[in-house]
C-alpha atoms as a PDB file:
ATOM      1  CA  UNK A   1       2.685  26.683  -0.548  1.00  0.00           C
ATOM      2  CA  UNK A   2       2.813  27.850  -4.319  1.00  0.00           C
ATOM      3  CA  UNK A   3       1.236  26.039  -7.010  1.00  0.00           C
ATOM      4  CA  UNK A   4       2.160  26.901 -10.851  1.00  0.00           C
ATOM      5  CA  UNK A   5       1.100  25.861 -14.251  1.00  0.00           C
ATOM      6  CA  UNK A   6       3.830  24.416 -16.664  1.00  0.00           C
ATOM      7  CA  UNK A   7       2.732  25.016 -20.317  1.00  0.00           C
ATOM      8  CA  UNK A   8       4.805  22.623 -22.828  1.00  0.00           C
ATOM      9  CA  UNK A   9       4.355  22.253 -26.206  1.00  0.00           C
ATOM     10  CA  UNK A  10       3.231  18.544 -26.465  1.00  0.00           C
ATOM     11  CA  UNK A  11       0.760  16.319 -25.476  1.00  0.00           C
ATOM     12  CA  UNK A  12       2.543  14.303 -22.554  1.00  0.00           C
ATOM     13  CA  UNK A  13       1.737  10.799 -20.834  1.00  0.00           C
ATOM     14  CA  UNK A  14       0.474  10.474 -17.237  1.00  0.00           C
ATOM     15  CA  UNK A  15       3.058   8.097 -16.667  1.00  0.00           C
ATOM     16  CA  UNK A  16       5.981  11.132 -17.593  1.00  0.00           C
ATOM     17  CA  UNK A  17       4.115  13.741 -15.637  1.00  0.00           C
ATOM     18  CA  UNK A  18       4.215  11.885 -12.871  1.00  0.00           C
ATOM     19  CA  UNK A  19       7.686  10.695 -13.319  1.00  0.00           C
ATOM     20  CA  UNK A  20       8.448  14.987 -13.604  1.00  0.00           C
ATOM     21  CA  UNK A  21       5.998  15.215 -10.059  1.00  0.00           C
ATOM     22  CA  UNK A  22       3.405  16.770 -11.372  1.00  0.00           C
ATOM     23  CA  UNK A  23      -0.271  16.338  -9.281  1.00  0.00           C
ATOM     24  CA  UNK A  24      -2.105  17.076 -12.380  1.00  0.00           C
ATOM     25  CA  UNK A  25      -1.769  16.688 -15.797  1.00  0.00           C
ATOM     26  CA  UNK A  26      -4.730  18.602 -18.390  1.00  0.00           C
ATOM     27  CA  UNK A  27      -3.913  17.609 -22.059  1.00  0.00           C
ATOM     28  CA  UNK A  28      -4.678  21.160 -24.020  1.00  0.00           C
ATOM     29  CA  UNK A  29      -7.086  20.769 -27.538  1.00  0.00           C
ATOM     30  CA  UNK A  30      -4.373  22.706 -29.282  1.00  0.00           C
ATOM     31  CA  UNK A  31      -1.660  20.049 -28.580  1.00  0.00           C
ATOM     32  CA  UNK A  32       0.550  20.995 -25.642  1.00  0.00           C
ATOM     33  CA  UNK A  33      -0.218  19.938 -22.225  1.00  0.00           C
ATOM     34  CA  UNK A  34      -0.241  21.930 -18.456  1.00  0.00           C
ATOM     35  CA  UNK A  35       1.723  20.667 -15.490  1.00  0.00           C
ATOM     36  CA  UNK A  36       0.611  21.702 -12.316  1.00  0.00           C
ATOM     37  CA  UNK A  37       2.426  21.960  -9.509  1.00  0.00           C
ATOM     38  CA  UNK A  38       3.421  22.620  -5.808  1.00  0.00           C
ATOM     39  CA  UNK A  39       6.492  24.689  -4.819  1.00  0.00           C
ATOM     40  CA  UNK A  40       7.164  25.121  -1.106  1.00  0.00           C
ATOM     41  CA  UNK A  41       9.509  27.801  -2.726  1.00  0.00           C
ATOM     42  CA  UNK A  42      12.264  28.630  -5.268  1.00  0.00           C
ATOM     43  CA  UNK A  43      14.239  26.372  -5.260  1.00  0.00           C
ATOM     44  CA  UNK A  44      11.907  23.773  -5.985  1.00  0.00           C
ATOM     45  CA  UNK A  45      10.585  25.596  -8.837  1.00  0.00           C
ATOM     46  CA  UNK A  46      14.075  25.872 -10.695  1.00  0.00           C
ATOM     47  CA  UNK A  47      14.504  22.283  -9.224  1.00  0.00           C
ATOM     48  CA  UNK A  48      10.880  21.243 -11.283  1.00  0.00           C
ATOM     49  CA  UNK A  49      12.061  23.740 -14.171  1.00  0.00           C
ATOM     50  CA  UNK A  50      15.276  21.696 -14.615  1.00  0.00           C
ATOM     51  CA  UNK A  51      13.184  18.366 -14.451  1.00  0.00           C
ATOM     52  CA  UNK A  52      11.236  19.712 -17.675  1.00  0.00           C
ATOM     53  CA  UNK A  53      14.492  20.692 -19.616  1.00  0.00           C
ATOM     54  CA  UNK A  54      16.357  17.521 -18.516  1.00  0.00           C
ATOM     55  CA  UNK A  55      13.512  16.092 -20.066  1.00  0.00           C
ATOM     56  CA  UNK A  56      13.474  17.513 -23.134  1.00  0.00           C
ATOM     57  CA  UNK A  57      10.781  19.381 -22.939  1.00  0.00           C
ATOM     58  CA  UNK A  58       9.544  22.776 -25.034  1.00  0.00           C
ATOM     59  CA  UNK A  59       8.895  24.984 -22.590  1.00  0.00           C
ATOM     60  CA  UNK A  60       6.216  27.494 -23.548  1.00  0.00           C
ATOM     61  CA  UNK A  61       5.292  29.313 -20.265  1.00  0.00           C
ATOM     62  CA  UNK A  62       5.273  29.320 -16.440  1.00  0.00           C
ATOM     63  CA  UNK A  63       2.295  30.823 -14.334  1.00  0.00           C
ATOM     64  CA  UNK A  64       2.013  31.040 -10.614  1.00  0.00           C
ATOM     65  CA  UNK A  65      -1.910  30.593 -10.156  1.00  0.00           C
ATOM     66  CA  UNK A  66      -3.525  30.703  -6.516  1.00  0.00           C
ATOM     67  CA  UNK A  67      -4.371  27.327  -4.474  1.00  0.00           C
ATOM     68  CA  UNK A  68      -7.965  26.387  -4.525  1.00  0.00           C
ATOM     69  CA  UNK A  69      -9.597  26.222  -1.161  1.00  0.00           C
ATOM     70  CA  UNK A  70      -9.123  22.147  -0.898  1.00  0.00           C
ATOM     71  CA  UNK A  71      -5.088  22.030  -1.656  1.00  0.00           C
ATOM     72  CA  UNK A  72      -4.490  25.272   1.052  1.00  0.00           C
ATOM     73  CA  UNK A  73      -6.591  22.918   3.793  1.00  0.00           C
ATOM     74  CA  UNK A  74      -4.490  19.929   2.505  1.00  0.00           C
ATOM     75  CA  UNK A  75      -1.080  21.654   3.103  1.00  0.00           C
ATOM     76  CA  UNK A  76      -1.662  22.408   7.034  1.00  0.00           C
END
C-alpha cells in the first residue's frame, strides 16, 4: 500500500476531508490543505484524484511518501 499527500488550495473542514476518504488532514499556514491518503494501487490513486476533482478542489501537488512504521504494521 502506498501513501500519498495531496495538496489542495484552501482550508477544508474535517467533514469534507472525511467524505473524500482522507486518512489525515493537515491545515497549512499558507491557507492550503494537505490530505493524506493510502492507496492500494494506481487505480485507487486515480479514484482519489477524481474525487478531489469532482469536489471542485484546486489541485496543487501530489506526492508519494514512505509509510511510517505504524502504518505498515497496521496494513499487515
